[in-house]
Amino acid sequence: MIASLLLQADAQAQNPYQFWIMMALLMVVFYFFMIRPQQKKAKDAKKFRESLQKGSKVVTIGGIHGRVVEVADTTILLEVDGNVKLRIEKSAIAMDNTMQLNEATAKG
């Protein structure tokens, strides 16, 4: 057992760049499987929020369902029920839930 540990330590000492190569490969994997998809998702959500129009049915991050009545630069006015209106930030619109809501209303 001790001999195998010495051989492993000796093999690692012979190739000092192996550690840096493995670290670089790990960074590439993290970029392509974690960072890049998250950036794409954030870009799509921003595009969706910028394309909100009057009359769109949306769901907020907090779960409030409503219809867009007015769109401003950073806020929207939602009609929740009858004459109840809420002004919220555009960033509070949940894109995923809104897509599911639109699909459900299109089917039913």
C-alpha atoms as a PDB file:
ATOM      1  CA  MET A   1       0.000   0.000   0.000  1.00  0.00           C
ATOM      2  CA  ILE A   2       2.762   2.430   0.888  1.00  0.00           C
ATOM      3  CA  ALA A   3       4.570   1.535  -2.311  1.00  0.00           C
ATOM      4  CA  SER A   4       1.505   2.367  -4.406  1.00  0.00           C
ATOM      5  CA  LEU A   5       1.154   5.748  -2.661  1.00  0.00           C
ATOM      6  CA  LEU A   6       4.798   6.508  -3.371  1.00  0.00           C
ATOM      7  CA  LEU A   7       4.351   5.534  -7.013  1.00  0.00           C
ATOM      8  CA  GLN A   8       1.284   7.794  -7.310  1.00  0.00           C
ATOM      9  CA  ALA A   9       3.127  10.700  -5.713  1.00  0.00           C
ATOM     10  CA  ASP A  10       6.072  10.088  -8.055  1.00  0.00           C
ATOM     11  CA  ALA A  11       3.756   9.995 -11.098  1.00  0.00           C
ATOM     12  CA  GLN A  12       2.151  13.269 -10.094  1.00  0.00           C
ATOM     13  CA  ALA A  13       5.520  14.906  -9.666  1.00  0.00           C
ATOM     14  CA  GLN A  14       6.502  13.922 -13.215  1.00  0.00           C
ATOM     15  CA  ASN A  15       3.588  15.833 -14.813  1.00  0.00           C
ATOM     16  CA  PRO A  16       3.046  19.163 -13.006  1.00  0.00           C
ATOM     17  CA  TYR A  17       0.765  20.520 -15.766  1.00  0.00           C
ATOM     18  CA  GLN A  18      -1.800  17.757 -15.389  1.00  0.00           C
ATOM     19  CA  PHE A  19      -3.488  19.572 -12.496  1.00  0.00           C
ATOM     20  CA  TRP A  20      -3.864  22.789 -14.518  1.00  0.00           C
ATOM     21  CA  ILE A  21      -5.156  20.922 -17.551  1.00  0.00           C
ATOM     22  CA  MET A  22      -7.803  19.198 -15.419  1.00  0.00           C
ATOM     23  CA  MET A  23      -8.791  22.521 -13.822  1.00  0.00           C
ATOM     24  CA  ALA A  24      -9.148  24.130 -17.262  1.00  0.00           C
ATOM     25  CA  LEU A  25     -11.320  21.246 -18.473  1.00  0.00           C
ATOM     26  CA  LEU A  26     -13.461  21.542 -15.352  1.00  0.00           C
ATOM     27  CA  MET A  27     -13.972  25.275 -16.019  1.00  0.00           C
ATOM     28  CA  VAL A  28     -14.987  24.562 -19.619  1.00  0.00           C
ATOM     29  CA  VAL A  29     -17.521  21.977 -18.461  1.00  0.00           C
ATOM     30  CA  PHE A  30     -18.953  24.396 -15.875  1.00  0.00           C
ATOM     31  CA  TYR A  31     -19.242  27.117 -18.519  1.00  0.00           C
ATOM     32  CA  PHE A  32     -21.063  25.013 -21.095  1.00  0.00           C
ATOM     33  CA  PHE A  33     -23.353  23.118 -18.718  1.00  0.00           C
ATOM     34  CA  MET A  34     -24.129  25.726 -16.052  1.00  0.00           C
ATOM     35  CA  ILE A  35     -23.156  29.317 -16.833  1.00  0.00           C
ATOM     36  CA  ARG A  36     -24.073  29.553 -20.515  1.00  0.00           C
ATOM     37  CA  PRO A  37     -27.594  28.053 -20.200  1.00  0.00           C
ATOM     38  CA  GLN A  38     -28.327  30.347 -17.245  1.00  0.00           C
ATOM     39  CA  GLN A  39     -27.255  33.397 -19.258  1.00  0.00           C
ATOM     40  CA  LYS A  40     -29.481  32.296 -22.152  1.00  0.00           C
ATOM     41  CA  LYS A  41     -32.440  31.834 -19.810  1.00  0.00           C
ATOM     42  CA  ALA A  42     -31.922  35.305 -18.307  1.00  0.00           C
ATOM     43  CA  LYS A  43     -31.688  36.823 -21.795  1.00  0.00           C
ATOM     44  CA  ASP A  44     -34.937  35.133 -22.861  1.00  0.00           C
ATOM     45  CA  ALA A  45     -36.706  36.333 -19.702  1.00  0.00           C
ATOM     46  CA  LYS A  46     -35.545  39.906 -20.335  1.00  0.00           C
ATOM     47  CA  LYS A  47     -36.759  39.743 -23.926  1.00  0.00           C
ATOM     48  CA  PHE A  48     -40.128  38.399 -22.735  1.00  0.00           C
ATOM     49  CA  ARG A  49     -40.541  41.190 -20.170  1.00  0.00           C
ATOM     50  CA  GLU A  50     -39.724  43.827 -22.778  1.00  0.00           C
ATOM     51  CA  SER A  51     -42.338  42.377 -25.132  1.00  0.00           C
ATOM     52  CA  LEU A  52     -45.222  42.551 -22.638  1.00  0.00           C
ATOM     53  CA  GLN A  53     -48.286  44.191 -24.168  1.00  0.00           C
ATOM     54  CA  LYS A  54     -51.589  45.487 -22.964  1.00  0.00           C
ATOM     55  CA  GLY A  55     -54.073  42.627 -22.570  1.00  0.00           C
ATOM     56  CA  SER A  56     -51.500  39.895 -21.908  1.00  0.00           C
ATOM     57  CA  LYS A  57     -52.336  37.456 -19.129  1.00  0.00           C
ATOM     58  CA  VAL A  58     -49.390  37.059 -16.748  1.00  0.00           C
ATOM     59  CA  VAL A  59     -48.394  35.462 -13.452  1.00  0.00           C
ATOM     60  CA  THR A  60     -46.087  37.204 -10.996  1.00  0.00           C
ATOM     61  CA  ILE A  61     -43.296  35.514  -9.093  1.00  0.00           C
ATOM     62  CA  GLY A  62     -45.540  35.714  -6.028  1.00  0.00           C
ATOM     63  CA  GLY A  63     -48.303  33.807  -7.834  1.00  0.00           C
ATOM     64  CA  ILE A  64     -50.668  36.691  -8.600  1.00  0.00           C
ATOM     65  CA  HIS A  65     -52.588  36.145 -11.844  1.00  0.00           C
ATOM     66  CA  GLY A  66     -53.698  39.172 -13.793  1.00  0.00           C
ATOM     67  CA  ARG A  67     -54.094  40.969 -17.105  1.00  0.00           C
ATOM     68  CA  VAL A  68     -51.746  43.756 -18.187  1.00  0.00           C
ATOM     69  CA  VAL A  69     -53.579  47.094 -18.350  1.00  0.00           C
ATOM     70  CA  GLU A  70     -50.664  49.493 -18.759  1.00  0.00           C
ATOM     71  CA  VAL A  71     -46.961  49.080 -19.558  1.00  0.00           C
ATOM     72  CA  ALA A  72     -44.351  51.627 -18.386  1.00  0.00           C
ATOM     73  CA  ASP A  73     -40.557  51.542 -18.592  1.00  0.00           C
ATOM     74  CA  THR A  74     -39.924  49.480 -15.464  1.00  0.00           C
ATOM     75  CA  THR A  75     -43.431  48.762 -14.155  1.00  0.00           C
ATOM     76  CA  ILE A  76     -46.712  47.336 -15.351  1.00  0.00           C
ATOM     77  CA  LEU A  77     -50.260  47.815 -14.125  1.00  0.00           C
ATOM     78  CA  LEU A  78     -52.115  44.528 -13.579  1.00  0.00           C
ATOM     79  CA  GLU A  79     -55.849  44.160 -13.344  1.00  0.00           C
ATOM     80  CA  VAL A  80     -56.327  41.386 -10.825  1.00  0.00           C
ATOM     81  CA  ASP A  81     -60.098  41.263 -10.280  1.00  0.00           C
ATOM     82  CA  GLY A  82     -62.828  43.600 -11.447  1.00  0.00           C
ATOM     83  CA  ASN A  83     -61.592  47.031 -10.468  1.00  0.00           C
ATOM     84  CA  VAL A  84     -58.548  45.899  -8.460  1.00  0.00           C
ATOM     85  CA  LYS A  85     -55.282  47.035 -10.056  1.00  0.00           C
ATOM     86  CA  LEU A  86     -51.722  46.509  -8.883  1.00  0.00           C
ATOM     87  CA  ARG A  87     -48.583  48.275 -10.095  1.00  0.00           C
ATOM     88  CA  ILE A  88     -45.608  45.910 -10.050  1.00  0.00           C
ATOM     89  CA  GLU A  89     -42.069  45.788 -11.392  1.00  0.00           C
ATOM     90  CA  LYS A  90     -41.555  44.054 -14.724  1.00  0.00           C
ATOM     91  CA  SER A  91     -38.909  41.881 -13.102  1.00  0.00           C
ATOM     92  CA  ALA A  92     -41.649  40.338 -10.915  1.00  0.00           C
ATOM     93  CA  ILE A  93     -43.253  38.597 -13.910  1.00  0.00           C
ATOM     94  CA  ALA A  94     -42.533  34.858 -13.992  1.00  0.00           C
ATOM     95  CA  MET A  95     -41.874  33.883 -17.598  1.00  0.00           C
ATOM     96  CA  ASP A  96     -42.216  30.123 -17.036  1.00  0.00           C
ATOM     97  CA  ASN A  97     -45.596  30.351 -15.332  1.00  0.00           C
ATOM     98  CA  THR A  98     -46.847  32.805 -17.927  1.00  0.00           C
ATOM     99  CA  MET A  99     -45.962  30.427 -20.758  1.00  0.00           C
ATOM    100  CA  GLN A 100     -47.823  27.619 -18.990  1.00  0.00           C
ATOM    101  CA  LEU A 101     -50.831  29.916 -18.443  1.00  0.00           C
ATOM    102  CA  ASN A 102     -50.903  30.914 -22.113  1.00  0.00           C
ATOM    103  CA  GLU A 103     -50.697  27.260 -23.208  1.00  0.00           C
ATOM    104  CA  ALA A 104     -53.521  26.289 -20.868  1.00  0.00           C
ATOM    105  CA  THR A 105     -55.819  29.068 -22.143  1.00  0.00           C
ATOM    106  CA  ALA A 106     -55.009  28.177 -25.752  1.00  0.00           C
ATOM    107  CA  LYS A 107     -55.979  24.529 -25.183  1.00  0.00           C
ATOM    108  CA  GLY A 108     -59.118  25.217 -23.144  1.00  0.00           C
END
